[in-house]
Amino acid sequence: MRGVGLLVAVIAINNLAQFILHAPGALYGVRFGWGPREVGLSLFVVGLVATIVQGGLLGVMMRLLGERRVVLFGLASGTLLTTGYALTTQAG
């Protein structure tokens, strides 16, 4: 179980970064001219997708890819998405 402590630390920091995105989500909504309804719906969709992934897709991915690859895929995709948020200049 070598390296587990470092992996847990990386996942904890990654999760903190992901949860911090919820607060600025409302600020991005204001920046793009969204009202409370649109901001709420966007956060609802994020929560719904997270529930689907964690509740159903994660088990399938673990069986197909193994724990290590799923963790690495999650960290890589999270990094790309966070970078995308930072570079966003207009609403879609």
Protein backbone atom coordinates (compact mmCIF):
# COMPACT_ATOMS: atom_id res chain seq x y z
CA MET A 1 0.00 0.00 0.00
CA ARG A 2 2.91 2.34 -0.67
CA GLY A 3 1.99 5.72 -2.04
CA VAL A 4 -1.58 5.57 -0.74
CA GLY A 5 -1.04 8.56 1.56
CA LEU A 6 0.12 10.72 -1.33
CA LEU A 7 -2.78 9.55 -3.49
CA VAL A 8 -5.28 10.39 -0.73
CA ALA A 9 -3.72 13.85 -0.38
CA VAL A 10 -3.95 14.48 -4.12
CA ILE A 11 -7.58 13.33 -4.22
CA ALA A 12 -8.43 15.51 -1.19
CA ILE A 13 -6.88 18.60 -2.80
CA ASN A 14 -8.63 17.80 -6.08
CA ASN A 15 -12.00 17.43 -4.33
CA LEU A 16 -11.49 20.71 -2.50
CA ALA A 17 -10.84 22.42 -5.82
CA GLN A 18 -13.96 20.84 -7.33
CA PHE A 19 -16.23 21.89 -4.46
CA ILE A 20 -14.82 25.41 -4.48
CA LEU A 21 -16.18 25.71 -8.05
CA HIS A 22 -19.77 25.74 -6.76
CA ALA A 23 -19.49 29.22 -5.24
CA PRO A 24 -17.98 30.96 -8.27
CA GLY A 25 -20.57 29.16 -10.43
CA ALA A 26 -23.06 31.80 -9.35
CA LEU A 27 -20.56 34.55 -10.12
CA TYR A 28 -20.00 33.16 -13.62
CA GLY A 29 -23.76 33.14 -14.06
CA VAL A 30 -23.92 36.83 -13.24
CA ARG A 31 -20.99 37.47 -15.57
CA PHE A 32 -22.85 35.77 -18.41
CA GLY A 33 -26.16 37.46 -17.64
CA TRP A 34 -27.85 34.46 -16.00
CA GLY A 35 -30.54 34.90 -13.41
CA PRO A 36 -31.14 32.80 -10.29
CA ARG A 37 -33.07 30.22 -12.32
CA GLU A 38 -30.24 29.58 -14.78
CA VAL A 39 -27.60 29.45 -12.04
CA GLY A 40 -29.75 27.03 -10.04
CA LEU A 41 -30.38 24.83 -13.05
CA SER A 42 -26.69 24.73 -13.93
CA LEU A 43 -25.76 23.65 -10.39
CA PHE A 44 -28.60 21.11 -10.45
CA VAL A 45 -27.24 19.58 -13.67
CA VAL A 46 -23.74 19.41 -12.17
CA GLY A 47 -25.12 17.60 -9.12
CA LEU A 48 -27.23 15.26 -11.24
CA VAL A 49 -24.30 14.29 -13.45
CA ALA A 50 -22.08 13.76 -10.39
CA THR A 51 -24.74 11.47 -8.89
CA ILE A 52 -25.02 9.44 -12.09
CA VAL A 53 -21.26 9.08 -12.42
CA GLN A 54 -20.63 8.21 -8.78
CA GLY A 55 -23.73 6.04 -8.39
CA GLY A 56 -23.61 4.05 -11.60
CA LEU A 57 -20.78 4.75 -13.98
CA LEU A 58 -17.97 4.51 -11.43
CA GLY A 59 -18.59 0.83 -10.69
CA VAL A 60 -18.59 -0.05 -14.38
CA MET A 61 -15.40 1.90 -14.98
CA MET A 62 -13.70 0.23 -12.00
CA ARG A 63 -14.50 -3.22 -13.38
CA LEU A 64 -13.36 -2.33 -16.91
CA LEU A 65 -10.29 -0.21 -16.21
CA GLY A 66 -9.17 -0.96 -12.65
CA GLU A 67 -8.76 1.39 -9.72
CA ARG A 68 -5.50 3.01 -10.74
CA ARG A 69 -6.62 3.93 -14.26
CA VAL A 70 -9.96 5.27 -13.00
CA VAL A 71 -8.20 7.49 -10.46
CA LEU A 72 -5.74 8.76 -13.05
CA PHE A 73 -8.55 9.35 -15.56
CA GLY A 74 -10.55 11.24 -12.93
CA LEU A 75 -7.64 13.45 -11.97
CA ALA A 76 -6.74 14.16 -15.60
CA SER A 77 -10.32 14.95 -16.65
CA GLY A 78 -10.81 17.14 -13.57
CA THR A 79 -7.66 19.08 -14.43
CA LEU A 80 -8.82 19.62 -18.02
CA LEU A 81 -12.30 20.71 -16.95
CA THR A 82 -10.99 23.12 -14.32
CA THR A 83 -8.67 24.63 -16.91
CA GLY A 84 -11.65 24.95 -19.24
CA TYR A 85 -13.60 26.83 -16.57
CA ALA A 86 -10.72 29.23 -16.12
CA LEU A 87 -10.46 29.92 -19.85
CA THR A 88 -14.20 30.36 -20.48
CA THR A 89 -15.03 33.82 -21.85
CA GLN A 90 -18.67 33.41 -22.85
CA ALA A 91 -21.71 31.27 -22.11
CA GLY A 92 -22.54 28.47 -24.51
